[in-house]
C-alpha atoms as a PDB file:
ATOM      1  CA  MET A   1       0.003   0.001   0.000  1.00  0.00           C
ATOM      2  CA  PHE A   2       2.879   2.376   0.831  1.00  0.00           C
ATOM      3  CA  GLU A   3       5.488   1.922  -1.890  1.00  0.00           C
ATOM      4  CA  TYR A   4       7.279   5.284  -1.798  1.00  0.00           C
ATOM      5  CA  ASN A   5      11.053   4.941  -1.456  1.00  0.00           C
ATOM      6  CA  PHE A   6      12.775   7.743   0.404  1.00  0.00           C
ATOM      7  CA  HIS A   7      16.072   9.042  -0.998  1.00  0.00           C
ATOM      8  CA  TRP A   8      17.695  11.649   1.218  1.00  0.00           C
ATOM      9  CA  ARG A   9      21.161  11.689  -0.312  1.00  0.00           C
ATOM     10  CA  PRO A  10      20.331  14.258  -3.047  1.00  0.00           C
ATOM     11  CA  VAL A  11      18.829  16.535  -0.403  1.00  0.00           C
ATOM     12  CA  PHE A  12      21.901  16.366   1.821  1.00  0.00           C
ATOM     13  CA  ARG A  13      24.144  17.104  -1.158  1.00  0.00           C
ATOM     14  CA  SER A  14      22.072  20.203  -1.855  1.00  0.00           C
ATOM     15  CA  LEU A  15      21.943  21.309   1.780  1.00  0.00           C
ATOM     16  CA  PRO A  16      24.679  23.992   1.426  1.00  0.00           C
ATOM     17  CA  ASP A  17      22.698  25.583  -1.405  1.00  0.00           C
ATOM     18  CA  LEU A  18      19.506  25.481   0.653  1.00  0.00           C
ATOM     19  CA  LEU A  19      21.232  27.089   3.630  1.00  0.00           C
ATOM     20  CA  GLU A  20      22.647  29.808   1.389  1.00  0.00           C
ATOM     21  CA  ALA A  21      19.163  30.424   0.018  1.00  0.00           C
ATOM     22  CA  SER A  22      17.827  30.648   3.574  1.00  0.00           C
ATOM     23  CA  LEU A  23      20.242  33.535   4.186  1.00  0.00           C
ATOM     24  CA  LEU A  24      18.760  35.270   1.150  1.00  0.00           C
ATOM     25  CA  THR A  25      15.308  34.715   2.649  1.00  0.00           C
ATOM     26  CA  LEU A  26      16.384  36.335   5.909  1.00  0.00           C
ATOM     27  CA  GLN A  27      18.010  39.187   4.035  1.00  0.00           C
ATOM     28  CA  VAL A  28      14.968  40.154   1.983  1.00  0.00           C
ATOM     29  CA  ALA A  29      12.628  39.711   4.949  1.00  0.00           C
ATOM     30  CA  THR A  30      14.770  41.861   7.247  1.00  0.00           C
ATOM     31  CA  LEU A  31      15.259  44.583   4.651  1.00  0.00           C
ATOM     32  CA  SER A  32      11.530  44.646   3.917  1.00  0.00           C
ATOM     33  CA  MET A  33      10.870  45.054   7.646  1.00  0.00           C
ATOM     34  CA  VAL A  34      13.223  48.040   7.868  1.00  0.00           C
ATOM     35  CA  ILE A  35      11.491  49.673   4.895  1.00  0.00           C
ATOM     36  CA  GLY A  36       8.088  48.717   6.294  1.00  0.00           C
ATOM     37  CA  ILE A  37       8.843  50.269   9.681  1.00  0.00           C
ATOM     38  CA  VAL A  38       9.927  53.574   8.138  1.00  0.00           C
ATOM     39  CA  ILE A  39       6.953  53.776   5.770  1.00  0.00           C
ATOM     40  CA  GLY A  40       4.546  52.409   8.382  1.00  0.00           C
ATOM     41  CA  LEU A  41       5.523  55.122  10.866  1.00  0.00           C
ATOM     42  CA  GLY A  42       4.913  57.743   8.185  1.00  0.00           C
ATOM     43  CA  LEU A  43       1.527  56.275   7.243  1.00  0.00           C
ATOM     44  CA  SER A  44       0.397  56.094  10.866  1.00  0.00           C
ATOM     45  CA  VAL A  45       1.368  59.707  11.579  1.00  0.00           C
ATOM     46  CA  ILE A  46      -0.411  60.865   8.411  1.00  0.00           C
ATOM     47  CA  ARG A  47      -3.589  59.029   9.400  1.00  0.00           C
ATOM     48  CA  LEU A  48      -3.474  60.474  12.910  1.00  0.00           C
ATOM     49  CA  ARG A  49      -2.587  64.085  12.199  1.00  0.00           C
ATOM     50  CA  LEU A  50      -3.498  64.970   8.606  1.00  0.00           C
ATOM     51  CA  ARG A  51      -6.548  65.151   6.390  1.00  0.00           C
ATOM     52  CA  GLY A  52      -7.010  65.551   2.668  1.00  0.00           C
ATOM     53  CA  PRO A  53      -5.178  63.712  -0.160  1.00  0.00           C
ATOM     54  CA  LEU A  54      -2.326  62.435   2.016  1.00  0.00           C
ATOM     55  CA  TYR A  55      -4.787  60.950   4.503  1.00  0.00           C
ATOM     56  CA  TRP A  56      -6.692  59.148   1.771  1.00  0.00           C
ATOM     57  CA  PHE A  57      -3.437  57.929   0.194  1.00  0.00           C
ATOM     58  CA  ALA A  58      -2.280  56.469   3.519  1.00  0.00           C
ATOM     59  CA  THR A  59      -5.685  54.921   4.152  1.00  0.00           C
ATOM     60  CA  ALA A  60      -5.771  53.347   0.683  1.00  0.00           C
ATOM     61  CA  TRP A  61      -2.287  51.873   1.234  1.00  0.00           C
ATOM     62  CA  VAL A  62      -3.289  50.318   4.555  1.00  0.00           C
ATOM     63  CA  GLU A  63      -6.588  48.973   3.232  1.00  0.00           C
ATOM     64  CA  LEU A  64      -5.006  47.409   0.143  1.00  0.00           C
ATOM     65  CA  ALA A  65      -2.131  45.884   2.064  1.00  0.00           C
ATOM     66  CA  ARG A  66      -4.355  44.382   4.748  1.00  0.00           C
ATOM     67  CA  ASN A  67      -7.341  43.297   2.667  1.00  0.00           C
ATOM     68  CA  THR A  68      -5.850  41.801  -0.511  1.00  0.00           C
ATOM     69  CA  PRO A  69      -3.895  38.533  -0.809  1.00  0.00           C
ATOM     70  CA  ALA A  70      -0.133  38.870  -0.487  1.00  0.00           C
ATOM     71  CA  LEU A  71       0.264  36.867  -3.692  1.00  0.00           C
ATOM     72  CA  PHE A  72      -1.760  39.467  -5.613  1.00  0.00           C
ATOM     73  CA  GLN A  73       0.524  42.177  -4.258  1.00  0.00           C
ATOM     74  CA  LEU A  74       3.597  40.306  -5.515  1.00  0.00           C
ATOM     75  CA  PHE A  75       1.954  39.803  -8.899  1.00  0.00           C
ATOM     76  CA  PHE A  76       1.185  43.523  -9.083  1.00  0.00           C
ATOM     77  CA  PHE A  77       4.848  44.436  -8.669  1.00  0.00           C
ATOM     78  CA  GLY A  78       5.940  41.548 -10.878  1.00  0.00           C
ATOM     79  CA  PHE A  79       3.433  41.675 -13.731  1.00  0.00           C
ATOM     80  CA  GLY A  80       1.224  44.706 -13.126  1.00  0.00           C
ATOM     81  CA  LEU A  81       4.071  47.205 -13.320  1.00  0.00           C
ATOM     82  CA  GLY A  82       5.447  45.292 -16.306  1.00  0.00           C
ATOM     83  CA  ALA A  83       2.337  46.258 -18.243  1.00  0.00           C
ATOM     84  CA  PHE A  84       3.485  49.897 -17.902  1.00  0.00           C
ATOM     85  CA  GLY A  85       7.042  49.127 -18.940  1.00  0.00           C
ATOM     86  CA  TRP A  86       8.514  48.883 -15.425  1.00  0.00           C
ATOM     87  CA  HIS A  87      10.276  45.537 -15.176  1.00  0.00           C
ATOM     88  CA  LEU A  88      11.734  44.615 -11.792  1.00  0.00           C
ATOM     89  CA  THR A  89      14.114  41.806 -10.950  1.00  0.00           C
ATOM     90  CA  PRO A  90      12.669  38.903  -8.912  1.00  0.00           C
ATOM     91  CA  TYR A  91      14.546  40.176  -5.859  1.00  0.00           C
ATOM     92  CA  MET A  92      13.065  43.659  -6.214  1.00  0.00           C
ATOM     93  CA  ILE A  93       9.583  42.229  -6.823  1.00  0.00           C
ATOM     94  CA  VAL A  94       9.676  40.317  -3.534  1.00  0.00           C
ATOM     95  CA  LEU A  95      11.288  43.207  -1.667  1.00  0.00           C
ATOM     96  CA  ALA A  96       8.668  45.667  -2.943  1.00  0.00           C
ATOM     97  CA  GLY A  97       5.779  43.287  -2.250  1.00  0.00           C
ATOM     98  CA  LEU A  98       6.916  42.463   1.280  1.00  0.00           C
ATOM     99  CA  SER A  99       7.683  46.105   2.071  1.00  0.00           C
ATOM    100  CA  PHE A 100       4.261  47.194   0.811  1.00  0.00           C
ATOM    101  CA  ASN A 101       2.546  44.528   2.916  1.00  0.00           C
ATOM    102  CA  ASN A 102       4.648  45.131   6.030  1.00  0.00           C
ATOM    103  CA  ALA A 103       4.077  48.883   5.871  1.00  0.00           C
ATOM    104  CA  GLY A 104       0.313  48.427   5.738  1.00  0.00           C
ATOM    105  CA  TYR A 105       0.164  46.083   8.725  1.00  0.00           C
ATOM    106  CA  LEU A 106       2.748  47.959  10.777  1.00  0.00           C
ATOM    107  CA  ALA A 107       0.996  51.279  10.142  1.00  0.00           C
ATOM    108  CA  GLU A 108      -2.021  50.015  12.058  1.00  0.00           C
ATOM    109  CA  ASN A 109       0.177  48.654  14.851  1.00  0.00           C
ATOM    110  CA  PHE A 110       1.941  51.994  15.117  1.00  0.00           C
ATOM    111  CA  ARG A 111      -1.341  53.884  15.056  1.00  0.00           C
ATOM    112  CA  GLY A 112      -2.531  51.868  18.040  1.00  0.00           C
ATOM    113  CA  GLY A 113       0.812  52.468  19.719  1.00  0.00           C
ATOM    114  CA  PHE A 114       0.577  56.243  19.255  1.00  0.00           C
ATOM    115  CA  GLN A 115      -2.949  56.219  20.633  1.00  0.00           C
ATOM    116  CA  ALA A 116      -1.729  54.276  23.685  1.00  0.00           C
ATOM    117  CA  VAL A 117       0.775  57.006  24.567  1.00  0.00           C
ATOM    118  CA  PRO A 118      -0.904  59.657  26.781  1.00  0.00           C
ATOM    119  CA  ASP A 119      -1.423  63.078  25.195  1.00  0.00           C
ATOM    120  CA  THR A 120       0.411  64.601  28.139  1.00  0.00           C
ATOM    121  CA  GLN A 121       3.683  63.202  26.705  1.00  0.00           C
ATOM    122  CA  MET A 122       3.404  65.480  23.667  1.00  0.00           C
ATOM    123  CA  ARG A 123       2.464  68.486  25.762  1.00  0.00           C
ATOM    124  CA  ALA A 124       5.354  67.817  28.131  1.00  0.00           C
ATOM    125  CA  ALA A 125       7.785  67.631  25.193  1.00  0.00           C
ATOM    126  CA  GLN A 126       6.504  70.915  23.785  1.00  0.00           C
ATOM    127  CA  SER A 127       6.752  72.565  27.200  1.00  0.00           C
ATOM    128  CA  LEU A 128      10.457  71.654  27.173  1.00  0.00           C
ATOM    129  CA  GLY A 129      10.878  73.577  23.931  1.00  0.00           C
ATOM    130  CA  MET A 130      10.953  70.599  21.551  1.00  0.00           C
ATOM    131  CA  ASN A 131       9.553  71.047  18.065  1.00  0.00           C
ATOM    132  CA  LEU A 132       7.250  68.504  16.429  1.00  0.00           C
ATOM    133  CA  TRP A 133      10.084  66.463  14.903  1.00  0.00           C
ATOM    134  CA  GLN A 134      11.971  66.268  18.204  1.00  0.00           C
ATOM    135  CA  SER A 135       8.809  65.394  20.121  1.00  0.00           C
ATOM    136  CA  TYR A 136       8.140  62.427  17.845  1.00  0.00           C
ATOM    137  CA  THR A 137      11.674  61.108  17.434  1.00  0.00           C
ATOM    138  CA  ARG A 138      12.808  61.567  21.060  1.00  0.00           C
ATOM    139  CA  ILE A 139       9.617  61.047  23.050  1.00  0.00           C
ATOM    140  CA  LEU A 140       6.757  59.390  21.159  1.00  0.00           C
ATOM    141  CA  VAL A 141       8.368  56.995  18.678  1.00  0.00           C
ATOM    142  CA  PRO A 142      10.625  55.230  21.250  1.00  0.00           C
ATOM    143  CA  GLN A 143       7.571  54.549  23.415  1.00  0.00           C
ATOM    144  CA  VAL A 144       5.553  53.360  20.422  1.00  0.00           C
ATOM    145  CA  LEU A 145       8.311  50.982  19.326  1.00  0.00           C
ATOM    146  CA  ARG A 146       8.362  49.495  22.809  1.00  0.00           C
ATOM    147  CA  ILE A 147       4.574  49.057  22.811  1.00  0.00           C
ATOM    148  CA  VAL A 148       4.490  47.321  19.409  1.00  0.00           C
ATOM    149  CA  TYR A 149       7.756  45.386  19.800  1.00  0.00           C
ATOM    150  CA  TYR A 150       6.147  41.946  19.907  1.00  0.00           C
ATOM    151  CA  PRO A 151       3.723  42.627  17.026  1.00  0.00           C
ATOM    152  CA  MET A 152       6.772  43.719  15.006  1.00  0.00           C
ATOM    153  CA  THR A 153       8.424  40.399  15.830  1.00  0.00           C
ATOM    154  CA  ASN A 154       5.355  38.563  14.573  1.00  0.00           C
ATOM    155  CA  GLN A 155       5.439  40.645  11.402  1.00  0.00           C
ATOM    156  CA  LEU A 156       9.073  39.696  10.789  1.00  0.00           C
ATOM    157  CA  VAL A 157       8.167  36.021  11.146  1.00  0.00           C
ATOM    158  CA  TRP A 158       5.304  36.567   8.723  1.00  0.00           C
ATOM    159  CA  ALA A 159       7.687  38.258   6.256  1.00  0.00           C
ATOM    160  CA  VAL A 160      10.089  35.312   6.405  1.00  0.00           C
ATOM    161  CA  LEU A 161       7.296  32.838   5.709  1.00  0.00           C
ATOM    162  CA  MET A 162       5.587  35.001   3.100  1.00  0.00           C
ATOM    163  CA  SER A 163       8.829  35.347   1.149  1.00  0.00           C
ATOM    164  CA  SER A 164       8.227  31.761   0.021  1.00  0.00           C
ATOM    165  CA  LEU A 165       5.693  33.165  -2.456  1.00  0.00           C
ATOM    166  CA  GLY A 166       8.672  34.637  -4.278  1.00  0.00           C
ATOM    167  CA  MET A 167       9.274  31.349  -6.072  1.00  0.00           C
ATOM    168  CA  LEU A 168       6.140  32.118  -8.130  1.00  0.00           C
ATOM    169  CA  VAL A 169       7.876  35.174  -9.618  1.00  0.00           C
ATOM    170  CA  GLY A 170      11.205  33.404 -10.181  1.00  0.00           C
ATOM    171  CA  PHE A 171      12.956  34.355  -6.944  1.00  0.00           C
ATOM    172  CA  ARG A 172      15.449  31.719  -5.820  1.00  0.00           C
ATOM    173  CA  GLU A 173      15.076  32.120  -2.073  1.00  0.00           C
ATOM    174  CA  LEU A 174      14.694  29.057   0.138  1.00  0.00           C
ATOM    175  CA  SER A 175      11.412  27.810  -1.336  1.00  0.00           C
ATOM    176  CA  GLY A 176      12.472  28.719  -4.873  1.00  0.00           C
ATOM    177  CA  GLU A 177      15.751  26.867  -4.471  1.00  0.00           C
ATOM    178  CA  THR A 178      13.893  23.895  -3.009  1.00  0.00           C
ATOM    179  CA  GLN A 179      11.493  23.841  -5.955  1.00  0.00           C
ATOM    180  CA  PHE A 180      14.442  24.002  -8.362  1.00  0.00           C
ATOM    181  CA  PHE A 181      16.207  20.977  -6.889  1.00  0.00           C
ATOM    182  CA  ALA A 182      12.985  19.030  -6.314  1.00  0.00           C
ATOM    183  CA  SER A 183      11.981  19.438  -9.969  1.00  0.00           C
ATOM    184  CA  ARG A 184      15.383  18.122 -11.092  1.00  0.00           C
ATOM    185  CA  THR A 185      15.478  15.076  -8.823  1.00  0.00           C
ATOM    186  CA  TYR A 186      11.741  14.375  -8.319  1.00  0.00           C
ATOM    187  CA  ARG A 187      12.422  14.068  -4.586  1.00  0.00           C
ATOM    188  CA  ILE A 188       9.525  16.400  -3.759  1.00  0.00           C
ATOM    189  CA  PHE A 189       8.717  15.168  -0.268  1.00  0.00           C
ATOM    190  CA  GLU A 190      12.302  14.926   0.898  1.00  0.00           C
ATOM    191  CA  TYR A 191      13.285  18.405  -0.259  1.00  0.00           C
ATOM    192  CA  PHE A 192      10.242  20.171   1.131  1.00  0.00           C
ATOM    193  CA  ALA A 193      10.434  18.232   4.408  1.00  0.00           C
ATOM    194  CA  VAL A 194      13.988  19.455   4.962  1.00  0.00           C
ATOM    195  CA  THR A 195      12.992  22.975   3.905  1.00  0.00           C
ATOM    196  CA  ALA A 196      10.134  22.962   6.410  1.00  0.00           C
ATOM    197  CA  VAL A 197      12.662  22.118   9.141  1.00  0.00           C
ATOM    198  CA  ILE A 198      14.907  24.995   8.002  1.00  0.00           C
ATOM    199  CA  TYR A 199      11.975  27.430   8.139  1.00  0.00           C
ATOM    200  CA  TYR A 200      11.057  26.156  11.601  1.00  0.00           C
ATOM    201  CA  VAL A 201      14.600  26.654  12.870  1.00  0.00           C
ATOM    202  CA  MET A 202      14.800  30.153  11.358  1.00  0.00           C
ATOM    203  CA  VAL A 203      11.557  31.209  13.019  1.00  0.00           C
ATOM    204  CA  LYS A 204      12.630  29.800  16.379  1.00  0.00           C
ATOM    205  CA  ILE A 205      15.941  31.669  16.137  1.00  0.00           C
ATOM    206  CA  ILE A 206      14.086  34.912  15.375  1.00  0.00           C
ATOM    207  CA  LEU A 207      11.762  34.435  18.339  1.00  0.00           C
ATOM    208  CA  LEU A 208      14.637  33.564  20.679  1.00  0.00           C
ATOM    209  CA  ALA A 209      16.653  36.578  19.499  1.00  0.00           C
ATOM    210  CA  SER A 210      13.643  38.847  19.996  1.00  0.00           C
ATOM    211  CA  ARG A 211      13.188  37.598  23.573  1.00  0.00           C
ATOM    212  CA  LEU A 212      16.865  38.138  24.392  1.00  0.00           C
ATOM    213  CA  LEU A 213      16.739  41.606  22.837  1.00  0.00           C
ATOM    214  CA  ALA A 214      13.589  42.423  24.799  1.00  0.00           C
ATOM    215  CA  VAL A 215      15.346  41.508  28.054  1.00  0.00           C
ATOM    216  CA  ARG A 216      18.157  43.855  27.096  1.00  0.00           C
ATOM    217  CA  LEU A 217      15.934  46.729  25.979  1.00  0.00           C
ATOM    218  CA  PHE A 218      13.085  46.525  28.477  1.00  0.00           C
ATOM    219  CA  ARG A 219      14.860  45.681  31.704  1.00  0.00           C
ATOM    220  CA  TYR A 220      13.666  48.967  33.242  1.00  0.00           C
END
């Protein structure tokens, strides 16, 4: 009844390539988080303090990022922009798609974080002679980042896992590299089983690092 023969040797021979691809996965996920944090902070401030075209632009970004499939967002940057003559590399497609998605989700996290900081913090900063930029960068944003630290960690994990969609636009990250070797050897189960373990280990390392960093940052 069960006649499948497991062959792990091809997978172990390809393990260095898979590990190298996993570093590429971490790279694009981390870079997309950095971009997402910067843009997300801007979007949240716009939605809290401004009205008019900028407010509606920020709202549209958040709504599209949060309420459309991540795969559609990748396809937009991969094939949608191509229809207008803008052709991105697979790396840039995944980076743009992840950054767009991260910014939308993080913007809402940051907005909740800003609303959790008492209004008296802003008034106290202004009473000390700080301008708006100084009040945000020195007083409000550090508190917001502490409030949303764990949601940001979850978003990074999500970015690492979501980067696997990149293989559908030709990106040779961990899943793309796995698909490449599996299609050559027909060892589908073995390759993806090992890749699942690599993803699991990467996520656990991220979570452990975030806990250790939290102990360092939030000891007081």
